[in-house]
Amino acid sequence: DLQVHLARYKEEIIQSITNIETECVIKIMFQHQIRKHLECELIEETQSLRNELLDRKDINEVM
């Protein structure tokens, strides 16, 4: 009877560990997606600012 309880307890622990590992992988993937999205936004914002500065420089050169 004790062996059955221990075996069941072991299975529950293994399942819990598997669930935790799965959750960690999901969180890592989600963080990666967020990071990529933020990198894209930063690149777009940097390009926009660069273009704005170039436009101002062109205007100043004309004057």
PDB file of N, CA and C in Angstrom:
ATOM      1  N   ASP A   1       0.838  -1.206   0.000  1.00  0.00           N
ATOM      2  CA  ASP A   1       0.000   0.000   0.000  1.00  0.00           C
ATOM      3  C   ASP A   1       0.876   1.261   0.000  1.00  0.00           C
ATOM      4  N   LEU A   2       1.934   1.228   0.810  1.00  0.00           N
ATOM      5  CA  LEU A   2       2.853   2.362   0.862  1.00  0.00           C
ATOM      6  C   LEU A   2       3.536   2.567  -0.487  1.00  0.00           C
ATOM      7  N   GLN A   3       3.901   1.467  -1.147  1.00  0.00           N
ATOM      8  CA  GLN A   3       4.556   1.557  -2.455  1.00  0.00           C
ATOM      9  C   GLN A   3       3.633   2.223  -3.478  1.00  0.00           C
ATOM     10  N   VAL A   4       2.341   1.904  -3.403  1.00  0.00           N
ATOM     11  CA  VAL A   4       1.372   2.507  -4.328  1.00  0.00           C
ATOM     12  C   VAL A   4       1.295   4.011  -4.088  1.00  0.00           C
ATOM     13  N   HIS A   5       1.228   4.408  -2.818  1.00  0.00           N
ATOM     14  CA  HIS A   5       1.176   5.838  -2.489  1.00  0.00           C
ATOM     15  C   HIS A   5       2.449   6.555  -2.931  1.00  0.00           C
ATOM     16  N   LEU A   6       3.593   5.921  -2.706  1.00  0.00           N
ATOM     17  CA  LEU A   6       4.858   6.527  -3.120  1.00  0.00           C
ATOM     18  C   LEU A   6       4.944   6.655  -4.640  1.00  0.00           C
ATOM     19  N   ALA A   7       4.495   5.631  -5.347  1.00  0.00           N
ATOM     20  CA  ALA A   7       4.514   5.672  -6.813  1.00  0.00           C
ATOM     21  C   ALA A   7       3.597   6.782  -7.328  1.00  0.00           C
ATOM     22  N   ARG A   8       2.423   6.912  -6.725  1.00  0.00           N
ATOM     23  CA  ARG A   8       1.473   7.951  -7.130  1.00  0.00           C
ATOM     24  C   ARG A   8       2.058   9.338  -6.829  1.00  0.00           C
ATOM     25  N   TYR A   9       2.670   9.468  -5.647  1.00  0.00           N
ATOM     26  CA  TYR A   9       3.280  10.731  -5.254  1.00  0.00           C
ATOM     27  C   TYR A   9       4.413  11.097  -6.216  1.00  0.00           C
ATOM     28  N   LYS A  10       5.207  10.096  -6.601  1.00  0.00           N
ATOM     29  CA  LYS A  10       6.303  10.323  -7.546  1.00  0.00           C
ATOM     30  C   LYS A  10       5.752  10.798  -8.888  1.00  0.00           C
ATOM     31  N   GLU A  11       4.675  10.182  -9.362  1.00  0.00           N
ATOM     32  CA  GLU A  11       4.057  10.591 -10.626  1.00  0.00           C
ATOM     33  C   GLU A  11       3.559  12.029 -10.544  1.00  0.00           C
ATOM     34  N   GLU A  12       2.959  12.390  -9.411  1.00  0.00           N
ATOM     35  CA  GLU A  12       2.461  13.755  -9.240  1.00  0.00           C
ATOM     36  C   GLU A  12       3.605  14.762  -9.250  1.00  0.00           C
ATOM     37  N   ILE A  13       4.710  14.405  -8.618  1.00  0.00           N
ATOM     38  CA  ILE A  13       5.878  15.296  -8.605  1.00  0.00           C
ATOM     39  C   ILE A  13       6.443  15.453 -10.012  1.00  0.00           C
ATOM     40  N   ILE A  14       6.566  14.348 -10.729  1.00  0.00           N
ATOM     41  CA  ILE A  14       7.081  14.409 -12.104  1.00  0.00           C
ATOM     42  C   ILE A  14       6.165  15.261 -12.975  1.00  0.00           C
ATOM     43  N   GLN A  15       4.848  15.101 -12.816  1.00  0.00           N
ATOM     44  CA  GLN A  15       3.899  15.896 -13.596  1.00  0.00           C
ATOM     45  C   GLN A  15       4.014  17.376 -13.236  1.00  0.00           C
ATOM     46  N   SER A  16       4.186  17.665 -11.959  1.00  0.00           N
ATOM     47  CA  SER A  16       4.343  19.060 -11.528  1.00  0.00           C
ATOM     48  C   SER A  16       5.599  19.677 -12.132  1.00  0.00           C
ATOM     49  N   ILE A  17       6.685  18.928 -12.124  1.00  0.00           N
ATOM     50  CA  ILE A  17       7.937  19.419 -12.707  1.00  0.00           C
ATOM     51  C   ILE A  17       7.761  19.660 -14.204  1.00  0.00           C
ATOM     52  N   THR A  18       7.097  18.735 -14.878  1.00  0.00           N
ATOM     53  CA  THR A  18       6.841  18.890 -16.314  1.00  0.00           C
ATOM     54  C   THR A  18       6.013  20.138 -16.580  1.00  0.00           C
ATOM     55  N   ASN A  19       4.984  20.363 -15.763  1.00  0.00           N
ATOM     56  CA  ASN A  19       4.147  21.555 -15.922  1.00  0.00           C
ATOM     57  C   ASN A  19       4.954  22.832 -15.717  1.00  0.00           C
ATOM     58  N   ILE A  20       5.808  22.833 -14.709  1.00  0.00           N
ATOM     59  CA  ILE A  20       6.646  24.007 -14.438  1.00  0.00           C
ATOM     60  C   ILE A  20       7.591  24.260 -15.609  1.00  0.00           C
ATOM     61  N   GLU A  21       8.200  23.203 -16.133  1.00  0.00           N
ATOM     62  CA  GLU A  21       9.101  23.353 -17.280  1.00  0.00           C
ATOM     63  C   GLU A  21       8.355  23.903 -18.488  1.00  0.00           C
ATOM     64  N   THR A  22       7.147  23.402 -18.720  1.00  0.00           N
ATOM     65  CA  THR A  22       6.337  23.879 -19.843  1.00  0.00           C
ATOM     66  C   THR A  22       6.004  25.355 -19.674  1.00  0.00           C
ATOM     67  N   GLU A  23       5.606  25.749 -18.477  1.00  0.00           N
ATOM     68  CA  GLU A  23       5.295  27.155 -18.213  1.00  0.00           C
ATOM     69  C   GLU A  23       6.520  28.036 -18.430  1.00  0.00           C
ATOM     70  N   CYS A  24       7.679  27.559 -18.027  1.00  0.00           N
ATOM     71  CA  CYS A  24       8.918  28.325 -18.216  1.00  0.00           C
ATOM     72  C   CYS A  24       9.217  28.523 -19.702  1.00  0.00           C
ATOM     73  N   VAL A  25       9.054  27.477 -20.478  1.00  0.00           N
ATOM     74  CA  VAL A  25       9.298  27.580 -21.921  1.00  0.00           C
ATOM     75  C   VAL A  25       8.329  28.576 -22.546  1.00  0.00           C
ATOM     76  N   ILE A  26       7.063  28.520 -22.148  1.00  0.00           N
ATOM     77  CA  ILE A  26       6.063  29.455 -22.675  1.00  0.00           C
ATOM     78  C   ILE A  26       6.438  30.885 -22.316  1.00  0.00           C
ATOM     79  N   LYS A  27       6.860  31.111 -21.078  1.00  0.00           N
ATOM     80  CA  LYS A  27       7.247  32.459 -20.652  1.00  0.00           C
ATOM     81  C   LYS A  27       8.467  32.947 -21.418  1.00  0.00           C
ATOM     82  N   ILE A  28       9.436  32.069 -21.630  1.00  0.00           N
ATOM     83  CA  ILE A  28      10.635  32.448 -22.387  1.00  0.00           C
ATOM     84  C   ILE A  28      10.260  32.825 -23.821  1.00  0.00           C
ATOM     85  N   MET A  29       9.383  32.044 -24.439  1.00  0.00           N
ATOM     86  CA  MET A  29       8.959  32.342 -25.808  1.00  0.00           C
ATOM     87  C   MET A  29       8.210  33.673 -25.856  1.00  0.00           C
ATOM     88  N   PHE A  30       7.356  33.914 -24.873  1.00  0.00           N
ATOM     89  CA  PHE A  30       6.599  35.159 -24.816  1.00  0.00           C
ATOM     90  C   PHE A  30       7.548  36.349 -24.637  1.00  0.00           C
ATOM     91  N   GLN A  31       8.530  36.203 -23.759  1.00  0.00           N
ATOM     92  CA  GLN A  31       9.514  37.266 -23.565  1.00  0.00           C
ATOM     93  C   GLN A  31      10.295  37.525 -24.850  1.00  0.00           C
ATOM     94  N   HIS A  32      10.612  36.476 -25.577  1.00  0.00           N
ATOM     95  CA  HIS A  32      11.332  36.628 -26.845  1.00  0.00           C
ATOM     96  C   HIS A  32      10.481  37.421 -27.839  1.00  0.00           C
ATOM     97  N   GLN A  33       9.183  37.099 -27.908  1.00  0.00           N
ATOM     98  CA  GLN A  33       8.292  37.826 -28.813  1.00  0.00           C
ATOM     99  C   GLN A  33       8.201  39.297 -28.422  1.00  0.00           C
ATOM    100  N   ILE A  34       8.098  39.561 -27.126  1.00  0.00           N
ATOM    101  CA  ILE A  34       8.035  40.946 -26.653  1.00  0.00           C
ATOM    102  C   ILE A  34       9.322  41.679 -27.012  1.00  0.00           C
ATOM    103  N   ARG A  35      10.462  41.034 -26.781  1.00  0.00           N
ATOM    104  CA  ARG A  35      11.759  41.648 -27.084  1.00  0.00           C
ATOM    105  C   ARG A  35      11.864  41.981 -28.573  1.00  0.00           C
ATOM    106  N   LYS A  36      11.471  41.037 -29.427  1.00  0.00           N
ATOM    107  CA  LYS A  36      11.534  41.281 -30.873  1.00  0.00           C
ATOM    108  C   LYS A  36      10.623  42.439 -31.266  1.00  0.00           C
ATOM    109  N   HIS A  37       9.434  42.483 -30.683  1.00  0.00           N
ATOM    110  CA  HIS A  37       8.494  43.567 -30.979  1.00  0.00           C
ATOM    111  C   HIS A  37       9.085  44.915 -30.556  1.00  0.00           C
ATOM    112  N   LEU A  38       9.656  44.960 -29.360  1.00  0.00           N
ATOM    113  CA  LEU A  38      10.250  46.205 -28.872  1.00  0.00           C
ATOM    114  C   LEU A  38      11.451  46.612 -29.722  1.00  0.00           C
ATOM    115  N   GLU A  39      12.233  45.650 -30.160  1.00  0.00           N
ATOM    116  CA  GLU A  39      13.367  45.957 -31.038  1.00  0.00           C
ATOM    117  C   GLU A  39      12.879  46.580 -32.342  1.00  0.00           C
ATOM    118  N   CYS A  40      11.810  46.026 -32.902  1.00  0.00           N
ATOM    119  CA  CYS A  40      11.254  46.570 -34.148  1.00  0.00           C
ATOM    120  C   CYS A  40      10.749  47.992 -33.936  1.00  0.00           C
ATOM    121  N   GLU A  41      10.054  48.218 -32.823  1.00  0.00           N
ATOM    122  CA  GLU A  41       9.566  49.564 -32.526  1.00  0.00           C
ATOM    123  C   GLU A  41      10.726  50.539 -32.365  1.00  0.00           C
ATOM    124  N   LEU A  42      11.772  50.089 -31.695  1.00  0.00           N
ATOM    125  CA  LEU A  42      12.935  50.950 -31.489  1.00  0.00           C
ATOM    126  C   LEU A  42      13.616  51.278 -32.814  1.00  0.00           C
ATOM    127  N   ILE A  43      13.730  50.298 -33.686  1.00  0.00           N
ATOM    128  CA  ILE A  43      14.329  50.527 -35.005  1.00  0.00           C
ATOM    129  C   ILE A  43      13.487  51.523 -35.796  1.00  0.00           C
ATOM    130  N   GLU A  44      12.169  51.358 -35.764  1.00  0.00           N
ATOM    131  CA  GLU A  44      11.283  52.282 -36.481  1.00  0.00           C
ATOM    132  C   GLU A  44      11.399  53.696 -35.926  1.00  0.00           C
ATOM    133  N   GLU A  45      11.413  53.815 -34.609  1.00  0.00           N
ATOM    134  CA  GLU A  45      11.519  55.135 -33.985  1.00  0.00           C
ATOM    135  C   GLU A  45      12.865  55.781 -34.304  1.00  0.00           C
ATOM    136  N   THR A  46      13.921  55.000 -34.277  1.00  0.00           N
ATOM    137  CA  THR A  46      15.251  55.512 -34.604  1.00  0.00           C
ATOM    138  C   THR A  46      15.293  56.001 -36.049  1.00  0.00           C
ATOM    139  N   GLN A  47      14.715  55.229 -36.953  1.00  0.00           N
ATOM    140  CA  GLN A  47      14.685  55.624 -38.363  1.00  0.00           C
ATOM    141  C   GLN A  47      13.874  56.900 -38.549  1.00  0.00           C
ATOM    142  N   SER A  48      12.765  56.988 -37.848  1.00  0.00           N
ATOM    143  CA  SER A  48      11.927  58.181 -37.936  1.00  0.00           C
ATOM    144  C   SER A  48      12.682  59.417 -37.445  1.00  0.00           C
ATOM    145  N   LEU A  49      13.361  59.276 -36.319  1.00  0.00           N
ATOM    146  CA  LEU A  49      14.143  60.402 -35.793  1.00  0.00           C
ATOM    147  C   LEU A  49      15.284  60.765 -36.734  1.00  0.00           C
ATOM    148  N   ARG A  50      15.923  59.764 -37.304  1.00  0.00           N
ATOM    149  CA  ARG A  50      17.010  60.012 -38.256  1.00  0.00           C
ATOM    150  C   ARG A  50      16.481  60.790 -39.464  1.00  0.00           C
ATOM    151  N   ASN A  51      15.335  60.365 -39.977  1.00  0.00           N
ATOM    152  CA  ASN A  51      14.737  61.061 -41.119  1.00  0.00           C
ATOM    153  C   ASN A  51      14.367  62.496 -40.761  1.00  0.00           C
ATOM    154  N   GLU A  52      13.843  62.661 -39.570  1.00  0.00           N
ATOM    155  CA  GLU A  52      13.470  64.001 -39.119  1.00  0.00           C
ATOM    156  C   GLU A  52      14.702  64.904 -39.034  1.00  0.00           C
ATOM    157  N   LEU A  53      15.782  64.374 -38.501  1.00  0.00           N
ATOM    158  CA  LEU A  53      17.021  65.156 -38.417  1.00  0.00           C
ATOM    159  C   LEU A  53      17.567  65.486 -39.802  1.00  0.00           C
ATOM    160  N   LEU A  54      17.504  64.520 -40.709  1.00  0.00           N
ATOM    161  CA  LEU A  54      17.981  64.772 -42.077  1.00  0.00           C
ATOM    162  C   LEU A  54      17.129  65.831 -42.760  1.00  0.00           C
ATOM    163  N   ASP A  55      15.822  65.784 -42.541  1.00  0.00           N
ATOM    164  CA  ASP A  55      14.934  66.800 -43.116  1.00  0.00           C
ATOM    165  C   ASP A  55      15.284  68.185 -42.579  1.00  0.00           C
ATOM    166  N   ARG A  56      15.536  68.277 -41.294  1.00  0.00           N
ATOM    167  CA  ARG A  56      15.898  69.567 -40.692  1.00  0.00           C
ATOM    168  C   ARG A  56      17.231  70.062 -41.255  1.00  0.00           C
ATOM    169  N   LYS A  57      18.159  69.131 -41.422  1.00  0.00           N
ATOM    170  CA  LYS A  57      19.465  69.505 -41.969  1.00  0.00           C
ATOM    171  C   LYS A  57      19.303  70.035 -43.389  1.00  0.00           C
ATOM    172  N   ASP A  58      18.466  69.371 -44.196  1.00  0.00           N
ATOM    173  CA  ASP A  58      18.223  69.813 -45.571  1.00  0.00           C
ATOM    174  C   ASP A  58      17.612  71.208 -45.588  1.00  0.00           C
ATOM    175  N   ILE A  59      16.671  71.455 -44.696  1.00  0.00           N
ATOM    176  CA  ILE A  59      16.018  72.767 -44.634  1.00  0.00           C
ATOM    177  C   ILE A  59      17.040  73.836 -44.250  1.00  0.00           C
ATOM    178  N   ASN A  60      17.884  73.524 -43.287  1.00  0.00           N
ATOM    179  CA  ASN A  60      18.904  74.485 -42.858  1.00  0.00           C
ATOM    180  C   ASN A  60      19.907  74.767 -43.974  1.00  0.00           C
ATOM    181  N   GLU A  61      20.230  73.770 -44.770  1.00  0.00           N
ATOM    182  CA  GLU A  61      21.176  73.975 -45.870  1.00  0.00           C
ATOM    183  C   GLU A  61      20.569  74.861 -46.951  1.00  0.00           C
ATOM    184  N   VAL A  62      19.270  74.734 -47.170  1.00  0.00           N
ATOM    185  CA  VAL A  62      18.597  75.544 -48.178  1.00  0.00           C
ATOM    186  C   VAL A  62      18.591  77.007 -47.745  1.00  0.00           C
ATOM    187  N   MET A  63      18.406  77.233 -46.468  1.00  0.00           N
ATOM    188  CA  MET A  63      18.358  78.607 -45.959  1.00  0.00           C
ATOM    189  C   MET A  63      19.771  79.124 -45.889  1.00  0.00           C
TER     190      MET A  63
END
